[in-house]
Each structure stands twice: as structure tokens, then as C-alpha cells.
C-alpha atoms as a PDB file:
ATOM      1  CA  MET A   1       0.000   0.000   0.000  1.00  0.00           C
ATOM      2  CA  GLY A   2       1.409   3.375  -1.045  1.00  0.00           C
ATOM      3  CA  ARG A   3       1.405   6.690   0.689  1.00  0.00           C
ATOM      4  CA  PRO A   4      -1.909   8.423   1.276  1.00  0.00           C
ATOM      5  CA  SER A   5      -2.950  10.978  -1.308  1.00  0.00           C
ATOM      6  CA  VAL A   6      -2.161  14.528  -0.223  1.00  0.00           C
ATOM      7  CA  VAL A   7      -4.930  17.128  -0.383  1.00  0.00           C
ATOM      8  CA  VAL A   8      -4.414  20.862   0.010  1.00  0.00           C
ATOM      9  CA  LEU A   9      -7.642  22.452   1.208  1.00  0.00           C
ATOM     10  CA  ILE A  10      -7.936  26.241   0.844  1.00  0.00           C
ATOM     11  CA  GLU A  11     -11.087  27.335   2.689  1.00  0.00           C
ATOM     12  CA  ASP A  12     -11.587  30.376   4.921  1.00  0.00           C
ATOM     13  CA  ASP A  13     -14.713  29.158   6.737  1.00  0.00           C
ATOM     14  CA  ALA A  14     -13.411  27.287   9.806  1.00  0.00           C
ATOM     15  CA  ASP A  15     -16.528  25.107  10.126  1.00  0.00           C
ATOM     16  CA  ILE A  16     -16.341  23.935   6.514  1.00  0.00           C
ATOM     17  CA  ARG A  17     -12.547  23.564   6.706  1.00  0.00           C
ATOM     18  CA  ASN A  18     -12.837  21.386   9.830  1.00  0.00           C
ATOM     19  CA  LEU A  19     -15.701  19.322   8.374  1.00  0.00           C
ATOM     20  CA  LEU A  20     -13.814  18.678   5.141  1.00  0.00           C
ATOM     21  CA  THR A  21     -10.537  17.947   6.907  1.00  0.00           C
ATOM     22  CA  GLY A  22     -12.210  15.356   9.133  1.00  0.00           C
ATOM     23  CA  MET A  23     -14.113  13.833   6.229  1.00  0.00           C
ATOM     24  CA  LEU A  24     -10.998  13.578   4.054  1.00  0.00           C
ATOM     25  CA  VAL A  25      -8.799  12.176   6.838  1.00  0.00           C
ATOM     26  CA  GLN A  26     -11.480   9.553   7.563  1.00  0.00           C
ATOM     27  CA  ALA A  27     -11.439   8.677   3.839  1.00  0.00           C
ATOM     28  CA  GLY A  28      -7.675   8.094   4.025  1.00  0.00           C
ATOM     29  CA  TYR A  29      -6.269  11.382   2.703  1.00  0.00           C
ATOM     30  CA  LEU A  30      -3.458  13.428   4.227  1.00  0.00           C
ATOM     31  CA  VAL A  31      -4.809  16.982   4.466  1.00  0.00           C
ATOM     32  CA  HIS A  32      -2.966  20.306   4.629  1.00  0.00           C
ATOM     33  CA  ALA A  33      -5.403  23.177   5.162  1.00  0.00           C
ATOM     34  CA  ALA A  34      -5.101  26.935   4.743  1.00  0.00           C
ATOM     35  CA  ALA A  35      -7.565  29.694   5.606  1.00  0.00           C
ATOM     36  CA  THR A  36      -6.136  32.217   3.119  1.00  0.00           C
ATOM     37  CA  GLY A  37      -5.233  32.271  -0.538  1.00  0.00           C
ATOM     38  CA  SER A  38      -1.613  33.209   0.111  1.00  0.00           C
ATOM     39  CA  GLY A  39      -1.286  30.412   2.673  1.00  0.00           C
ATOM     40  CA  GLY A  40      -2.830  27.999   0.186  1.00  0.00           C
ATOM     41  CA  ILE A  41      -0.404  28.994  -2.558  1.00  0.00           C
ATOM     42  CA  ASP A  42       2.473  28.306  -0.164  1.00  0.00           C
ATOM     43  CA  LEU A  43       1.010  24.909   0.784  1.00  0.00           C
ATOM     44  CA  VAL A  44       0.558  23.890  -2.853  1.00  0.00           C
ATOM     45  CA  SER A  45       4.156  24.883  -3.531  1.00  0.00           C
ATOM     46  CA  ASP A  46       5.509  23.031  -0.468  1.00  0.00           C
ATOM     47  CA  ALA A  47       3.246  19.964  -0.156  1.00  0.00           C
ATOM     48  CA  GLY A  48       3.146  18.738  -3.761  1.00  0.00           C
ATOM     49  CA  PRO A  49      -0.521  17.767  -3.427  1.00  0.00           C
ATOM     50  CA  ASP A  50      -2.375  15.098  -5.359  1.00  0.00           C
ATOM     51  CA  LEU A  51      -5.519  17.265  -5.202  1.00  0.00           C
ATOM     52  CA  VAL A  52      -6.352  20.874  -4.383  1.00  0.00           C
ATOM     53  CA  ILE A  53      -9.779  21.927  -3.083  1.00  0.00           C
ATOM     54  CA  LEU A  54     -10.157  25.675  -3.439  1.00  0.00           C
ATOM     55  CA  ASP A  55     -12.859  28.012  -2.154  1.00  0.00           C
ATOM     56  CA  LEU A  56     -13.347  31.113  -4.305  1.00  0.00           C
ATOM     57  CA  GLY A  57     -14.365  33.456  -1.468  1.00  0.00           C
ATOM     58  CA  LEU A  58     -11.131  34.022   0.438  1.00  0.00           C
ATOM     59  CA  PRO A  59     -10.263  36.951   2.708  1.00  0.00           C
ATOM     60  CA  ASP A  60      -6.977  38.035   1.117  1.00  0.00           C
ATOM     61  CA  LEU A  61      -7.060  37.004  -2.546  1.00  0.00           C
ATOM     62  CA  ASP A  62      -9.912  36.142  -4.871  1.00  0.00           C
ATOM     63  CA  GLY A  63     -10.050  32.382  -5.394  1.00  0.00           C
ATOM     64  CA  LEU A  64      -9.779  32.832  -9.164  1.00  0.00           C
ATOM     65  CA  GLU A  65      -6.500  34.682  -8.602  1.00  0.00           C
ATOM     66  CA  VAL A  66      -5.293  31.842  -6.391  1.00  0.00           C
ATOM     67  CA  LEU A  67      -6.295  29.376  -9.112  1.00  0.00           C
ATOM     68  CA  SER A  68      -4.328  31.294 -11.734  1.00  0.00           C
ATOM     69  CA  ARG A  69      -1.269  31.252  -9.447  1.00  0.00           C
ATOM     70  CA  ILE A  70      -1.373  27.574  -8.476  1.00  0.00           C
ATOM     71  CA  ARG A  71      -2.252  26.054 -11.852  1.00  0.00           C
ATOM     72  CA  PRO A  72       1.289  26.704 -13.221  1.00  0.00           C
ATOM     73  CA  ILE A  73       2.900  24.984 -10.203  1.00  0.00           C
ATOM     74  CA  THR A  74       0.765  21.827 -10.018  1.00  0.00           C
ATOM     75  CA  ALA A  75      -0.633  19.417 -12.572  1.00  0.00           C
ATOM     76  CA  SER A  76      -2.834  17.881  -9.876  1.00  0.00           C
ATOM     77  CA  PRO A  77      -6.600  18.209 -10.123  1.00  0.00           C
ATOM     78  CA  ILE A  78      -8.078  21.395  -8.684  1.00  0.00           C
ATOM     79  CA  LEU A  79     -11.647  21.201  -7.453  1.00  0.00           C
ATOM     80  CA  ILE A  80     -13.462  24.476  -6.819  1.00  0.00           C
ATOM     81  CA  LEU A  81     -15.812  24.630  -3.836  1.00  0.00           C
ATOM     82  CA  SER A  82     -17.829  27.815  -3.874  1.00  0.00           C
ATOM     83  CA  GLY A  83     -21.015  29.580  -2.969  1.00  0.00           C
ATOM     84  CA  ARG A  84     -20.891  31.360  -6.340  1.00  0.00           C
ATOM     85  CA  THR A  85     -23.602  29.682  -8.367  1.00  0.00           C
ATOM     86  CA  GLY A  86     -23.529  31.748 -11.547  1.00  0.00           C
ATOM     87  CA  SER A  87     -22.266  30.199 -14.748  1.00  0.00           C
ATOM     88  CA  THR A  88     -19.732  33.030 -15.198  1.00  0.00           C
ATOM     89  CA  ALA A  89     -17.725  32.000 -12.124  1.00  0.00           C
ATOM     90  CA  GLN A  90     -17.852  28.348 -13.145  1.00  0.00           C
ATOM     91  CA  LEU A  91     -16.793  29.036 -16.730  1.00  0.00           C
ATOM     92  CA  THR A  92     -14.002  31.338 -15.587  1.00  0.00           C
ATOM     93  CA  ALA A  93     -12.716  28.768 -13.093  1.00  0.00           C
ATOM     94  CA  LEU A  94     -12.770  26.005 -15.686  1.00  0.00           C
ATOM     95  CA  SER A  95     -11.031  28.210 -18.256  1.00  0.00           C
ATOM     96  CA  LEU A  96      -8.288  28.943 -15.700  1.00  0.00           C
ATOM     97  CA  GLY A  97      -7.631  25.219 -15.262  1.00  0.00           C
ATOM     98  CA  ALA A  98     -10.038  23.955 -12.603  1.00  0.00           C
ATOM     99  CA  ASP A  99     -11.040  20.323 -13.029  1.00  0.00           C
ATOM    100  CA  GLY A 100     -14.418  20.556 -11.348  1.00  0.00           C
ATOM    101  CA  TYR A 101     -16.803  22.934  -9.596  1.00  0.00           C
ATOM    102  CA  VAL A 102     -18.971  22.101  -6.585  1.00  0.00           C
ATOM    103  CA  THR A 103     -21.419  24.647  -5.208  1.00  0.00           C
ATOM    104  CA  LYS A 104     -22.194  25.227  -1.542  1.00  0.00           C
ATOM    105  CA  PRO A 105     -24.140  23.904   0.179  1.00  0.00           C
ATOM    106  CA  PHE A 106     -22.950  20.441  -0.771  1.00  0.00           C
ATOM    107  CA  ARG A 107     -23.542  16.925   0.478  1.00  0.00           C
ATOM    108  CA  PRO A 108     -20.323  15.359   1.812  1.00  0.00           C
ATOM    109  CA  LYS A 109     -20.960  12.060  -0.024  1.00  0.00           C
ATOM    110  CA  ASP A 110     -21.379  13.953  -3.305  1.00  0.00           C
ATOM    111  CA  LEU A 111     -18.131  15.825  -2.729  1.00  0.00           C
ATOM    112  CA  LEU A 112     -16.262  12.588  -1.961  1.00  0.00           C
ATOM    113  CA  ALA A 113     -17.625  11.071  -5.179  1.00  0.00           C
ATOM    114  CA  ARG A 114     -16.455  14.117  -7.158  1.00  0.00           C
ATOM    115  CA  ILE A 115     -13.030  13.919  -5.502  1.00  0.00           C
ATOM    116  CA  SER A 116     -12.763  10.244  -6.386  1.00  0.00           C
ATOM    117  CA  ALA A 117     -13.740  10.973  -9.989  1.00  0.00           C
ATOM    118  CA  VAL A 118     -11.145  13.712 -10.531  1.00  0.00           C
ATOM    119  CA  MET A 119      -8.434  11.736  -8.729  1.00  0.00           C
ATOM    120  CA  THR A 120      -8.863   8.675 -10.949  1.00  0.00           C
ATOM    121  CA  ARG A 121      -8.819  10.484 -14.282  1.00  0.00           C
ATOM    122  CA  PRO A 122      -5.554  10.142 -16.177  1.00  0.00           C
ATOM    123  CA  ARG A 123      -3.758  13.474 -16.591  1.00  0.00           C
ATOM    124  CA  ILE A 124      -1.395  14.632 -19.283  1.00  0.00           C
ATOM    125  CA  GLY A 125       2.151  14.266 -18.019  1.00  0.00           C
ATOM    126  CA  ASP A 126       1.063  12.022 -15.147  1.00  0.00           C
ATOM    127  CA  THR A 127       3.964   9.867 -13.989  1.00  0.00           C
ATOM    128  CA  HIS A 128       1.988   7.943 -11.349  1.00  0.00           C
ATOM    129  CA  SER A 129       0.909   5.092 -13.635  1.00  0.00           C
END
């Protein structure tokens, strides 16, 4: 059995961050969490995650800005978790390199299924075969 998959979670809401961290740890992931965009960028750079979960509503940087900064430093899937329900935010996030978009509120089982789906897709340049 290999190492657990590493998830960087960038979410400013402490309740959601704690819920997701617990849920992901229970599912077998190693989680590094940040409450700010700048902290999340640093974690992505340092942790080499297998998945990034990114909230768009962050206190210091807009989540789309964070996305545009982390996409060049990781080929890992990036899943957006946001309260923004308009198609403009979703289309912008996807055009900036997000691999999926989940709106709040969400059901934890649905989010885990989405995580599993993006984690099992083959990626260009993936060396984990």
C-alpha cells in the first residue's frame, strides 16, 4: 500500500474547513489546510498535493487569482468549492484550469464522489501510472 494521497484544502470558513478535513482524513487522505489564498499557494508549492480543493471566497485574494497562481505549479486536479452559483464564475474557473466545480451547500458524499472521480482520471504528463 502506497502513501496516502495529499490534499491541500484552501477554505476560509473554519466550520467547513474542519468538516472537510475530518471527512478527508477519515477517507484516508493526508490533508494540509489553509484559511487564506496566500497560505494555500504556499502549501501547494511546499506539499506537492495530489488534489487541491479551493474556495473562491477568500479573505486576502480572490479564489480565481489563487487558481491562476497555483495552476502553473501543479498538474494535480483542482476542485473548486464555492457559494458562487452563476455560470460566469464556473466558466471562468474552468477556463483557468479547474477540473471541477462544486457549489455550496454540498452533500459530503457527493463531494467525496467528485473527488474520487477527478483523482482517478488520467492526466497529461502524469507519472503515477
